[in-house]
Amino acid sequence: MTQCNSGELIPIVDGQKTLYQVGEWYHVPAQATHVARYDKTTFQIEFWFYLK
């Protein structure tokens, strides 16, 4: 899970582009092909969860 705290970002997950702005969250599924594009200066927080 990732939250955009300033700026904006465009993650591309399995070929699908989506714009996220301040306060919005997104999730990249396990094993998904992904990259992120940043057209503005951006600060984000990522949360990693491991299931046992």
Foldseek 3Di string as FASTA:
>chain_A
DKAWQAAWKWKQWQNDTDIDHHGDDDDHDPPIDMDMDGPDDTDMDDDDDDDD
